Protein backbone atom coordinates (compact mmCIF):
# COMPACT_ATOMS: atom_id res chain seq x y z
CA MET A 1 37.94 26.76 42.91
CA LYS A 2 41.19 27.88 41.36
CA ILE A 3 44.24 26.12 40.80
CA ILE A 4 47.03 27.37 43.30
CA LYS A 5 50.39 28.39 41.52
CA PRO A 6 53.64 28.35 42.81
CA THR A 7 55.19 31.69 43.43
CA LEU A 8 58.75 31.14 42.95
CA ASN A 9 61.81 33.29 44.87
CA THR A 10 63.98 34.24 42.23
CA THR A 11 65.85 36.82 44.10
CA ARG A 12 69.19 35.87 45.13
CA THR A 13 70.50 39.03 47.87
CA LYS A 14 74.25 39.97 47.52
CA ALA A 15 74.64 37.98 44.07
CA SER A 16 76.95 39.71 41.44
CA LYS A 17 76.07 39.90 37.67
CA ALA A 18 79.27 37.52 37.14
CA ASP A 19 78.23 35.11 40.20
CA SER A 20 74.11 35.08 38.59
CA ASP A 21 75.96 34.23 34.99
CA LYS A 22 77.53 31.03 36.95
CA PHE A 23 74.39 30.04 38.55
CA ASP A 24 73.89 26.29 38.25
CA TYR A 25 70.92 26.22 35.63
CA LEU A 26 70.36 22.16 35.80
CA SER A 27 70.32 23.14 39.32
CA THR A 28 67.53 25.55 38.97
CA LEU A 29 65.43 23.43 37.09
CA ARG A 30 65.48 20.62 39.49
CA ASN A 31 64.27 23.29 42.07
CA LEU A 32 61.67 24.24 39.69
CA PHE A 33 60.46 20.72 39.44
CA VAL A 34 60.51 20.06 43.32
CA SER A 35 58.35 23.23 43.60
CA ILE A 36 55.71 22.32 41.27
CA LEU A 37 55.30 19.22 42.46
CA THR A 38 54.91 19.78 46.04
CA VAL A 39 52.55 22.67 45.22
CA THR A 40 50.71 20.22 42.83
CA LEU A 41 50.79 17.36 45.68
CA PHE A 42 50.25 19.24 48.96
CA GLY A 43 48.44 22.88 47.84
CA CYS A 44 51.23 24.80 49.32
CA SER A 45 51.22 28.98 47.80
CA GLN A 46 54.68 29.75 47.89
CA MET A 47 58.01 27.61 47.71
CA HIS A 48 61.19 28.58 48.69
CA GLU A 49 64.52 26.75 47.59
CA GLU A 50 65.89 25.86 50.93
CA ASN A 51 62.65 25.77 52.74
CA GLN A 52 59.70 23.45 50.98
CA SER A 53 57.49 24.00 53.74
CA TYR A 54 53.66 23.67 52.79
CA ARG A 55 50.80 24.54 54.21
CA LYS A 56 48.69 21.73 55.42
CA PRO A 57 45.37 21.14 53.75
CA ASN A 58 41.96 21.19 55.76
CA VAL A 59 39.54 18.20 55.50
CA LEU A 60 36.20 18.14 55.10
CA LEU A 61 34.49 14.65 55.05
CA ILE A 62 30.58 14.90 54.17
CA VAL A 63 28.77 11.48 54.38
CA VAL A 64 25.38 10.90 53.49
CA ASP A 65 23.12 7.86 54.57
CA ASP A 66 21.58 5.70 52.78
CA MET A 67 21.90 7.59 48.84
CA GLY A 68 21.56 5.05 45.74
CA MET A 69 24.07 5.41 42.93
CA ALA A 70 21.35 7.39 40.70
CA ASP A 71 20.28 9.87 43.35
CA LEU A 72 22.32 13.04 42.63
CA GLY A 73 22.07 14.71 39.09
CA ARG A 74 25.50 14.08 38.62
CA PHE A 75 25.44 10.35 38.76
CA GLY A 76 22.21 10.61 36.55
CA GLY A 77 19.41 11.50 39.05
CA GLU A 78 16.40 14.08 38.04
CA ILE A 79 16.40 15.70 41.73
CA PRO A 80 18.47 18.63 41.45
CA THR A 81 21.64 18.87 43.55
CA PRO A 82 23.38 21.84 42.02
CA ASN A 83 25.77 21.92 45.18
CA ILE A 84 26.97 18.54 44.96
CA ASP A 85 26.67 18.49 40.96
CA LYS A 86 29.43 21.39 40.82
CA LEU A 87 31.85 19.65 43.67
CA ALA A 88 31.74 16.61 42.01
CA ASN A 89 32.48 17.88 38.40
CA GLN A 90 35.43 20.03 40.21
CA GLY A 91 37.31 16.37 41.61
CA VAL A 92 37.71 13.36 40.67
CA LEU A 93 34.70 10.94 40.20
CA PHE A 94 34.45 7.47 41.35
CA THR A 95 32.55 5.40 40.06
CA ASN A 96 33.57 2.19 41.62
CA PHE A 97 33.61 3.24 45.25
CA HIS A 98 32.44 0.44 47.54
CA THR A 99 31.19 0.67 51.20
CA SER A 100 30.21 -2.00 53.77
CA PRO A 101 26.26 -2.84 53.21
CA VAL A 102 25.62 -1.30 56.45
CA CYS A 103 26.36 2.35 58.05
CA SER A 104 28.11 1.25 61.41
CA SER A 105 30.36 -1.46 59.67
CA THR A 106 31.67 1.36 56.76
CA ARG A 107 31.90 3.97 59.49
CA ALA A 108 34.36 2.04 61.32
CA MET A 109 36.25 1.64 58.40
CA LEU A 110 35.70 5.47 57.01
CA LEU A 111 37.73 6.92 60.51
CA THR A 112 40.36 4.20 61.09
CA GLY A 113 41.00 2.32 57.08
CA VAL A 114 40.58 -1.11 59.21
CA ASP A 115 38.24 -3.37 58.65
CA ASN A 116 34.93 -3.13 60.63
CA HIS A 117 35.63 -6.74 62.28
CA LYS A 118 38.93 -5.57 64.21
CA ALA A 119 37.56 -2.25 64.93
CA GLY A 120 34.41 -3.26 66.77
CA LEU A 121 31.49 -3.38 64.09
CA GLY A 122 31.72 -6.95 62.99
CA ASN A 123 28.22 -6.63 63.48
CA MET A 124 25.94 -3.93 64.28
CA ALA A 125 25.06 -3.40 67.77
CA GLU A 126 21.42 -3.53 67.07
CA GLU A 127 21.87 -7.23 65.38
CA LEU A 128 24.49 -9.15 67.13
CA ALA A 129 24.01 -12.34 66.91
CA PRO A 130 24.73 -14.79 70.45
CA ASN A 131 27.51 -16.41 69.19
CA GLN A 132 29.16 -12.88 68.52
CA VAL A 133 28.48 -11.25 71.86
CA GLY A 134 31.82 -10.67 73.98
CA GLN A 135 33.25 -11.55 71.18
CA ALA A 136 36.76 -9.83 70.34
CA GLY A 137 36.17 -7.30 66.90
CA TYR A 138 31.95 -7.41 67.96
CA GLU A 139 32.04 -5.43 70.67
CA GLY A 140 29.29 -2.92 68.87
CA GLN A 141 31.10 -0.15 69.35
CA LEU A 142 34.81 1.65 67.96
CA ASN A 143 37.35 -0.59 70.54
CA ASP A 144 40.81 -0.02 71.79
CA SER A 145 42.51 -1.60 68.89
CA VAL A 146 42.05 1.12 66.29
CA VAL A 147 42.68 4.98 66.21
CA THR A 148 40.87 7.35 64.16
CA ILE A 149 41.85 9.85 61.85
CA ALA A 150 40.39 12.61 63.97
CA SER A 151 42.93 11.70 66.43
CA LEU A 152 46.07 11.31 64.40
CA LEU A 153 45.19 14.69 62.71
CA ARG A 154 45.02 16.19 66.10
CA ASP A 155 47.80 14.92 67.28
CA LYS A 156 49.51 16.80 64.49
CA GLY A 157 47.84 20.20 65.40
CA TYR A 158 44.20 19.92 63.00
CA SER A 159 41.18 21.18 65.09
CA THR A 160 38.83 18.21 64.17
CA PHE A 161 34.92 18.50 64.64
CA MET A 162 32.11 16.28 64.47
CA THR A 163 28.08 16.90 63.92
CA GLY A 164 25.69 14.23 62.96
CA LYS A 165 25.18 10.69 63.05
CA TRP A 166 28.08 8.27 64.72
CA HIS A 167 26.63 4.96 65.25
CA LEU A 168 29.65 4.01 66.84
CA GLY A 169 29.31 3.51 70.68
CA MET A 170 27.00 4.47 73.12
CA SER A 171 28.95 4.91 75.86
CA LEU A 172 31.22 8.37 76.42
CA GLU A 173 34.23 5.85 75.92
CA ALA A 174 32.88 5.40 72.24
CA SER A 175 31.98 8.76 71.83
CA PRO A 176 33.55 11.23 69.18
CA TRP A 177 34.84 12.93 72.01
CA ALA A 178 36.62 9.91 73.02
CA LYS A 179 37.65 8.99 69.25
CA GLY A 180 39.51 12.42 68.32
CA PHE A 181 37.37 15.25 68.11
CA ASP A 182 37.62 18.56 69.81
CA LYS A 183 33.87 19.54 69.40
CA SER A 184 30.87 17.51 68.53
CA PHE A 185 27.10 17.24 68.46
CA SER A 186 26.17 13.76 67.44
CA MET A 187 22.89 11.57 67.45
CA LEU A 188 24.17 8.28 68.47
CA ALA A 189 22.07 5.83 67.07
CA GLY A 190 21.57 4.58 63.66
CA GLY A 191 18.25 6.50 62.53
CA ALA A 192 16.00 9.00 64.76
CA SER A 193 13.30 11.90 63.62
CA HIS A 194 14.57 14.31 61.39
CA PHE A 195 12.89 16.77 63.45
CA SER A 196 13.21 18.09 66.88
CA ASP A 197 10.70 15.48 68.38
CA MET A 198 13.41 13.11 69.58
CA LYS A 199 11.30 10.30 68.90
CA PRO A 200 14.11 6.95 68.04
CA ALA A 201 13.45 5.32 64.80
CA TYR A 202 13.56 2.26 67.11
CA HIS A 203 13.83 2.13 70.86
CA PRO A 204 12.83 -1.09 73.70
CA ASP A 205 11.52 1.61 75.93
CA PRO A 206 7.87 3.03 75.33
CA ASN A 207 9.38 6.40 76.35
CA GLY A 208 12.73 6.38 75.18
CA GLN A 209 14.13 8.90 72.84
CA ALA A 210 16.81 9.13 70.25
CA PRO A 211 20.37 9.43 71.90
CA TYR A 212 22.25 12.85 71.12
CA ARG A 213 25.63 13.85 72.55
CA GLN A 214 27.51 17.03 72.92
CA ASP A 215 30.72 16.70 73.39
CA GLN A 216 30.60 14.54 76.75
CA GLN A 217 27.00 15.33 77.81
CA ILE A 218 23.95 13.23 76.79
CA VAL A 219 21.52 15.96 75.34
CA ASN A 220 17.86 15.63 76.75
CA LYS A 221 16.49 18.53 74.73
CA LEU A 222 17.28 19.71 71.27
CA PRO A 223 18.48 23.27 71.09
CA ASP A 224 15.44 25.79 69.64
CA ASN A 225 17.32 26.34 66.33
CA PHE A 226 17.16 22.60 65.33
CA ALA A 227 14.29 22.48 62.98
CA PHE A 228 15.45 19.69 60.55
CA SER A 229 18.40 17.23 61.09
CA SER A 230 20.38 18.30 57.80
CA GLN A 231 20.11 22.19 58.45
CA PHE A 232 20.74 21.58 62.16
CA PHE A 233 23.97 19.55 61.75
CA THR A 234 25.16 22.02 58.87
CA ASP A 235 24.67 25.19 61.16
CA GLN A 236 26.32 23.57 64.20
CA MET A 237 29.63 22.63 62.38
CA MET A 238 29.71 26.48 60.43
CA SER A 239 29.33 27.23 64.04
CA TYR A 240 32.65 25.21 65.37
CA LEU A 241 34.58 26.00 62.04
CA GLN A 242 33.52 29.87 62.57
CA GLN A 243 35.10 29.81 65.97
CA ARG A 244 38.05 27.35 65.83
CA ASP A 245 41.36 28.71 65.86
CA ALA A 246 42.25 30.16 62.21
CA HIS A 247 46.07 29.45 62.59
CA LYS A 248 45.65 26.01 62.73
CA PRO A 249 43.84 23.60 59.81
CA PHE A 250 41.02 21.83 60.04
CA PHE A 251 39.53 18.39 59.90
CA ALA A 252 35.36 18.43 59.76
CA TYR A 253 33.37 15.31 59.75
CA LEU A 254 29.47 16.26 58.53
CA SER A 255 27.96 13.37 58.88
CA PHE A 256 24.61 13.63 57.99
CA THR A 257 21.35 11.43 58.82
CA ALA A 258 19.23 11.81 55.94
CA PRO A 259 17.93 10.46 53.47
CA HIS A 260 17.66 7.69 56.06
CA TRP A 261 14.58 6.51 57.43
CA PRO A 262 12.17 7.35 58.51
CA ILE A 263 11.59 9.03 55.17
CA GLN A 264 11.05 12.82 56.40
CA ALA A 265 11.66 16.45 55.19
CA PRO A 266 10.51 19.93 55.21
CA GLN A 267 7.30 20.38 53.61
CA TYR A 268 7.82 23.34 51.87
CA ILE A 269 10.40 21.42 49.82
CA ILE A 270 7.94 18.46 49.47
CA ASP A 271 5.82 20.80 47.93
CA LYS A 272 8.06 21.04 45.41
CA TYR A 273 7.44 17.62 43.91
CA LYS A 274 4.16 16.99 44.15
CA GLY A 275 3.06 14.74 41.44
CA LYS A 276 6.58 14.22 39.85
CA TYR A 277 6.94 10.65 41.00
CA ASP A 278 3.22 9.68 39.42
CA ILE A 279 5.36 8.37 36.96
CA GLY A 280 6.04 5.07 38.62
CA TYR A 281 9.66 3.56 39.23
CA ASP A 282 9.85 1.79 35.97
CA VAL A 283 9.52 4.73 34.50
CA VAL A 284 12.23 6.49 36.58
CA ARG A 285 14.66 3.47 36.65
CA GLU A 286 14.96 3.42 33.03
CA GLN A 287 15.39 7.21 32.85
CA ARG A 288 17.70 7.20 35.41
CA LEU A 289 19.96 4.32 33.44
CA GLN A 290 20.07 5.88 30.54
CA LYS A 291 21.46 9.30 32.14
CA GLN A 292 23.87 7.01 33.76
CA ILE A 293 25.06 5.54 30.42
CA SER A 294 25.58 8.93 28.75
CA LEU A 295 27.46 10.12 31.82
CA GLY A 296 30.25 7.51 31.70
CA ILE A 297 28.91 6.03 34.72
CA VAL A 298 27.93 2.70 33.98
CA PRO A 299 29.30 1.23 29.90
CA PRO A 300 26.59 1.55 27.05
CA GLN A 301 25.51 -1.99 27.00
CA THR A 302 24.20 -2.19 30.93
CA LYS A 303 20.46 -2.90 31.53
CA SER A 304 18.83 -2.31 34.29
CA ILE A 305 17.18 -4.49 36.82
CA ALA A 306 13.33 -4.58 37.30
CA ALA A 307 11.33 -4.07 40.54
CA THR A 308 10.01 -6.69 42.73
CA THR A 309 6.20 -5.41 41.55
CA PRO A 310 6.17 -3.72 38.27
CA TRP A 311 4.42 -0.76 38.65
CA GLU A 312 1.27 -1.46 36.81
CA ASN A 313 0.10 -3.73 39.06
CA LEU A 314 0.06 -1.54 42.08
CA SER A 315 -3.56 -0.67 42.86
CA ALA A 316 -4.37 2.83 42.91
CA ILE A 317 -4.32 3.49 46.28
CA GLU A 318 -0.69 1.73 46.47
CA LYS A 319 0.68 4.14 43.84
CA GLN A 320 -0.55 6.98 45.30
CA THR A 321 1.60 5.64 48.94
CA GLU A 322 4.82 4.92 46.89
CA ALA A 323 4.61 8.45 44.79
CA ARG A 324 4.08 10.49 47.68
CA THR A 325 7.04 8.55 49.70
CA MET A 326 9.47 9.17 47.01
CA GLU A 327 8.14 12.86 46.86
CA VAL A 328 9.33 13.29 50.42
CA TYR A 329 12.30 11.29 49.63
CA ALA A 330 13.49 13.50 46.84
CA ALA A 331 12.89 16.74 48.97
CA MET A 332 14.88 15.26 51.59
CA ILE A 333 17.84 15.39 49.13
CA ASP A 334 17.03 18.24 47.53
CA ASP A 335 17.31 19.53 51.39
CA LEU A 336 20.76 18.32 51.95
CA ASP A 337 21.99 19.99 48.82
CA GLN A 338 21.20 23.00 49.63
CA HIS A 339 22.68 22.53 53.15
CA ILE A 340 25.85 21.69 51.35
CA GLY A 341 25.77 24.46 49.06
CA ARG A 342 25.48 26.98 52.59
CA LEU A 343 28.71 25.60 53.70
CA ILE A 344 30.82 25.56 50.72
CA THR A 345 29.69 29.25 50.14
CA TRP A 346 30.73 30.03 53.46
CA LEU A 347 34.00 28.06 53.28
CA ASP A 348 34.99 29.95 49.90
CA ASP A 349 33.76 33.27 51.16
CA GLN A 350 36.20 32.98 54.17
CA GLN A 351 39.17 31.91 51.73
CA GLN A 352 39.21 28.47 52.70
CA LEU A 353 38.09 26.65 50.05
CA GLU A 354 41.24 26.18 47.73
CA ASN A 355 42.87 24.59 50.39
CA THR A 356 40.10 22.10 51.37
CA VAL A 357 40.17 18.40 50.56
CA ILE A 358 36.48 17.54 50.12
CA ILE A 359 35.31 14.26 50.55
CA PHE A 360 31.80 12.74 49.60
CA MET A 361 30.24 9.48 49.54
CA SER A 362 27.62 7.48 50.88
CA ASP A 363 28.00 4.93 53.69
CA ASN A 364 25.56 2.27 51.58
CA GLY A 365 23.81 1.94 48.84
CA ALA A 366 19.56 3.10 48.91
CA GLU A 367 17.33 1.23 51.90
CA GLY A 368 15.26 -1.16 50.37
CA HIS A 369 14.14 -3.11 53.15
CA THR A 370 10.14 -2.85 54.75
CA ILE A 371 9.25 -1.86 58.05
CA ASP A 372 8.58 -5.81 58.65
CA GLN A 373 12.24 -7.01 56.99
CA THR A 374 13.87 -4.85 59.41
CA TRP A 375 11.74 -4.51 62.16
CA PRO A 376 10.11 -8.52 62.26
CA ARG A 377 7.81 -8.56 65.53
CA ALA A 378 8.65 -11.80 66.24
CA GLN A 379 12.28 -10.92 66.44
CA PHE A 380 11.91 -7.64 68.02
CA PRO A 381 8.51 -7.42 69.71
CA LYS A 382 9.36 -4.85 72.30
CA ILE A 383 10.65 -2.43 69.33
CA ARG A 384 8.39 -2.98 67.56
CA LYS A 385 5.37 -2.41 69.62
CA ASN A 386 7.01 1.04 70.35
CA ILE A 387 7.42 2.11 66.66
CA ASP A 388 3.29 0.93 66.06
CA GLU A 389 2.15 3.00 68.93
CA ARG A 390 4.26 6.04 68.85
CA HIS A 391 3.80 7.24 64.88
CA ASP A 392 1.45 8.12 62.60
CA PHE A 393 1.08 6.48 59.82
CA SER A 394 -1.56 7.50 57.73
CA PHE A 395 -1.02 8.67 54.10
CA ALA A 396 -1.60 12.38 55.27
CA ASN A 397 1.59 12.65 57.22
CA ILE A 398 3.81 11.11 55.23
CA GLY A 399 6.85 12.94 55.67
CA LYS A 400 5.76 15.09 58.35
CA VAL A 401 6.45 14.99 62.29
CA GLY A 402 5.89 11.43 63.48
CA SER A 403 5.48 9.87 60.26
CA TYR A 404 7.70 6.55 59.96
CA ALA A 405 8.09 5.75 56.44
CA PHE A 406 10.49 3.48 53.91
CA ASN A 407 11.56 3.82 50.24
CA GLY A 408 11.02 -0.21 49.98
CA PRO A 409 12.66 -2.01 47.15
CA ASN A 410 11.44 -0.59 44.01
CA TRP A 411 12.46 2.90 44.49
CA ALA A 412 15.76 1.31 46.27
CA GLN A 413 16.38 -0.38 42.72
CA ALA A 414 15.56 3.04 40.95
CA SER A 415 18.48 4.46 42.75
CA SER A 416 20.58 2.02 41.49
CA PRO A 417 18.92 0.68 38.77
CA ALA A 418 22.11 -1.31 37.05
CA PHE A 419 23.11 -2.97 40.25
CA ARG A 420 21.43 -5.90 41.94
CA LEU A 421 19.57 -5.33 45.37
CA TYR A 422 20.78 -2.57 47.92
CA LYS A 423 21.72 -1.51 51.50
CA GLY A 424 22.11 -4.77 54.00
CA PHE A 425 23.60 -6.92 50.82
CA VAL A 426 26.94 -7.29 49.66
CA THR A 427 25.60 -6.97 45.92
CA GLU A 428 26.65 -4.07 43.92
CA GLY A 429 23.18 -2.29 45.19
CA GLY A 430 24.92 -2.78 48.70
CA THR A 431 27.87 -1.37 48.62
CA ARG A 432 28.57 0.61 45.35
CA VAL A 433 27.97 4.45 45.91
CA PRO A 434 28.16 7.49 45.11
CA ALA A 435 31.62 9.50 45.93
CA PHE A 436 34.34 11.64 44.67
CA ILE A 437 37.01 14.10 46.36
CA THR A 438 37.43 17.44 44.92
CA TYR A 439 40.94 19.38 45.67
CA PRO A 440 42.61 21.96 43.39
CA ALA A 441 45.76 19.95 43.12
CA PHE A 442 44.23 16.94 41.97
CA ALA A 443 42.69 15.75 38.43
CA ASN A 444 40.13 18.04 38.18
CA GLY A 445 37.07 16.30 36.46
CA LYS A 446 38.61 13.01 35.85
CA THR A 447 36.39 9.94 36.39
CA THR A 448 38.07 6.77 37.49
CA ASP A 449 36.46 2.98 37.22
CA GLU A 450 38.99 1.97 39.62
CA PHE A 451 37.57 -0.23 42.31
CA LEU A 452 38.39 1.53 45.32
CA SER A 453 37.19 1.12 49.06
CA VAL A 454 36.35 3.25 51.78
CA LYS A 455 39.53 1.64 53.92
CA ASP A 456 41.32 3.71 51.06
CA ILE A 457 40.24 7.44 52.86
CA VAL A 458 42.14 6.88 55.90
CA PRO A 459 46.05 6.21 54.13
CA THR A 460 45.10 8.57 51.59
CA LEU A 461 44.59 11.38 53.68
CA LEU A 462 47.35 10.21 55.65
CA GLU A 463 49.66 10.89 52.55
CA ILE A 464 48.20 14.51 51.79
CA THR A 465 48.64 15.62 55.11
CA LYS A 466 51.99 13.73 55.39
CA ILE A 467 51.27 11.96 58.68
CA LYS A 468 52.98 8.78 59.65
CA HIS A 469 49.81 6.33 60.99
CA PRO A 470 51.66 5.12 64.52
CA ALA A 471 51.10 1.17 64.27
CA PRO A 472 51.53 -1.19 65.64
CA ILE A 473 51.42 0.92 69.11
CA TYR A 474 49.48 4.39 69.68
CA ASN A 475 49.76 6.13 73.15
CA GLY A 476 51.10 2.89 74.38
CA THR A 477 48.41 0.57 73.24
CA GLN A 478 49.05 -1.83 70.08
CA ILE A 479 46.37 -1.14 67.60
CA GLU A 480 45.72 -2.38 63.95
CA ALA A 481 47.35 -0.54 60.68
CA PRO A 482 44.78 0.62 57.89
CA SER A 483 44.76 -2.14 55.21
CA GLY A 484 43.27 0.39 52.46
CA PHE A 485 45.52 1.82 50.02
CA SER A 486 46.58 5.18 49.38
CA MET A 487 44.36 6.52 46.48
CA LEU A 488 47.06 9.72 45.83
CA ASP A 489 48.33 8.39 42.36
CA ILE A 490 44.98 7.85 41.34
CA LEU A 491 43.75 11.35 42.91
CA SER A 492 46.88 13.01 40.89
CA ASP A 493 46.74 11.17 37.46
CA ALA A 494 50.13 10.41 38.32
CA GLY A 495 50.31 6.85 36.52
CA SER A 496 47.12 5.30 37.88
CA PRO A 497 48.33 2.18 39.00
CA HIS A 498 45.42 0.21 37.62
CA ILE A 499 45.29 -1.60 40.99
CA THR A 500 41.48 -3.45 40.17
CA ALA A 501 43.51 -5.68 38.42
CA THR A 502 45.11 -7.43 41.72
CA ARG A 503 43.32 -6.07 44.66
CA VAL A 504 41.75 -8.80 46.80
CA GLU A 505 39.08 -7.25 49.09
CA GLY A 506 36.45 -9.48 51.18
CA GLY A 507 33.23 -8.03 53.13
CA GLU A 508 30.58 -9.55 55.93
CA ILE A 509 27.94 -8.32 57.25
CA LEU A 510 24.65 -9.94 58.64
CA GLY A 511 25.90 -13.08 57.50
CA LYS A 512 26.17 -12.34 53.86
CA TYR A 513 29.61 -12.33 52.70
CA MET A 514 31.85 -12.25 49.56
CA ILE A 515 35.09 -11.93 48.23
CA ARG A 516 36.94 -9.90 45.19
CA LYS A 517 39.66 -10.58 43.09
CA GLY A 518 40.29 -8.88 40.01
CA ALA A 519 37.06 -8.74 38.11
CA TYR A 520 35.44 -11.66 39.80
CA LYS A 521 33.25 -11.15 42.62
CA ALA A 522 31.85 -14.31 44.86
CA VAL A 523 29.27 -13.77 46.86
CA ASN A 524 27.34 -16.41 49.70
CA ILE A 525 23.76 -14.78 50.76
CA PRO A 526 21.17 -16.91 51.96
CA PRO A 527 17.51 -17.16 50.59
CA PRO A 528 15.70 -15.92 50.17
CA HIS A 529 17.88 -13.45 48.05
CA GLY A 530 20.62 -15.94 47.46
CA ASN A 531 20.75 -19.50 47.32
CA GLY A 532 23.26 -19.80 50.55
CA ASN A 533 26.12 -21.24 48.52
CA TRP A 534 28.40 -19.35 46.64
CA GLN A 535 27.89 -17.91 43.18
CA LEU A 536 30.56 -16.04 40.88
CA TYR A 537 30.04 -13.23 38.61
CA ASP A 538 32.73 -11.31 35.95
CA VAL A 539 31.39 -7.91 37.59
CA SER A 540 33.34 -6.07 34.93
CA THR A 541 30.96 -7.17 32.40
CA ASP A 542 28.03 -7.84 34.69
CA LEU A 543 27.07 -4.90 37.15
CA ALA A 544 23.87 -6.77 37.69
CA GLU A 545 25.19 -9.79 38.97
CA ALA A 546 23.09 -11.70 36.91
CA LYS A 547 24.81 -14.71 35.32
CA ASP A 548 25.83 -17.43 37.71
CA LEU A 549 29.57 -18.67 36.70
CA SER A 550 30.25 -21.28 39.43
CA ASP A 551 29.85 -23.90 37.18
CA GLU A 552 31.48 -22.68 34.64
CA TYR A 553 34.49 -21.52 36.09
CA PRO A 554 35.18 -23.87 38.93
CA ILE A 555 38.56 -23.34 39.08
CA LYS A 556 38.26 -19.39 39.74
CA LEU A 557 35.46 -20.01 42.49
CA ALA A 558 37.88 -22.16 43.97
CA GLU A 559 40.89 -19.83 44.27
CA LEU A 560 38.42 -17.03 45.61
CA ILE A 561 37.03 -19.23 48.56
CA VAL A 562 40.94 -19.72 49.41
CA GLU A 563 40.79 -16.01 49.51
CA TRP A 564 38.04 -15.63 51.55
CA GLU A 565 39.06 -17.92 53.92
CA LYS A 566 42.30 -15.95 54.10
CA TYR A 567 40.42 -12.99 54.66
CA SER A 568 38.08 -14.33 57.46
CA GLU A 569 40.96 -15.74 59.58
CA GLU A 570 42.75 -12.62 58.91
CA ASN A 571 40.39 -10.12 60.22
CA GLY A 572 38.50 -12.80 62.50
CA VAL A 573 35.13 -13.16 61.32
CA ILE A 574 32.20 -14.60 63.06
CA LEU A 575 29.26 -16.05 61.11
CA PRO A 576 26.14 -15.27 63.27
CA SER A 577 24.44 -18.49 64.24
CA HIS A 578 21.27 -16.51 62.94
CA VAL A 579 20.44 -14.84 60.24
CA SER A 580 18.87 -11.16 60.12
CA GLY A 581 16.01 -10.67 58.13
CA TYR A 582 17.67 -7.41 57.32
């Protein structure tokens, strides 16, 4: 990827040599500075002294599902991800980027910049507690109080496309088609088979199918070229881009379902990893941590968090099953990287890459729950009965069509070796994810440990594209304004403001909640993973959230609790009447 350099118009027609000699030297310097600054921030290839227009950048937003901080090569993993790594090395790497602990609430904030409790995803639709049903902010889908970045960009001349996981509403009114996308092919639920069998990851109907929608229409049979989810969603996005109006910039939201459970992958890629993980998750976890330290992802003094069950305590059959599951998981990430590489190569061939802002992120931390924790029979009897009866749980079938496997807590800890817990928790392991932004005009090769939020994406894109958010009114409807911050100063390295020291951020999902101000973070998690009371951590030095400081610093904890109450009231948080096992 090349830096776009300005081409200055120094030709001055109808000017005599005397006039040229009198040309204002200071004015020349001023215009040159303005031209270069505009080029640097907005990617314009040609500027004129009296016409400082610029070519609006394309935007490619890539989201992966349930990927841990150390799963990618650039973030310390052993799985080969050369295409993603190359993008990361060419951009600004985030080592302290946070999402919600679960997918739909993250995606709501990602597309709107508004807290999930205001956007309609105060809780996942599948997990709504009785006291949350029917309440504002708990519609279980994107509500009318928010507008997506897709709508805002489309209003200003962008073509907008979406493929992959949506999980922001099943209805037409909450579909990608209704929320700003010109063309879309979406899997509407939280999970599904990655193959073309359309087997749902969860469904109360024994004959139910995974729900897909193409534009306005429900899809009852997947296309013949749907071999695997990552392949098809990439192919479909490339098709949309190939058929677009080439005179318009594009916003492309490529939302993979991999590596979300069920853990599945093409067999020929699984075969590459045969025996790779027989060494066990304890060894892999330590290897990844040391690589993260050497890459500067985590500080040198960082220690890993031990597995729930040491590898040596497993039986031979348990080791075999755990190793095979991780082989499939690695194959899913390998496959993801290959398809992302295909898309990037195509953009480069089309000479679009230099004018495309690329954002990569996971929607939350690695998945560490088991099937019994995710779908307990007592709470979800119909769904669990269908899962048990419609899938082949045999060892020989792990990763194949009809399989249904989870990575579990021990491999999840290896996915984020320095962080406590995983998806579903407001601890660092649930919310701190691999992420970066790549664009030629930004500080290429830079790594930042600023505390950043998924809510910052929309404000950043709006500033890059020079579009003003319309809040408080959009098309005659009252809407919420984004609550995140633009990252443009950090991305361009223009006196990075170091907002971490003063920023206050709260979050809640599934009755687990947190508040953070500067280096201190207070979390409240029910048993068995918490004690049901506030716990205080200094996450600038304690990434593992291992030392509870609540007794040592009661004034600091009280200060954070006040901030939590303010956050809760401002965002309409309704704690669930029952806490999910998830």
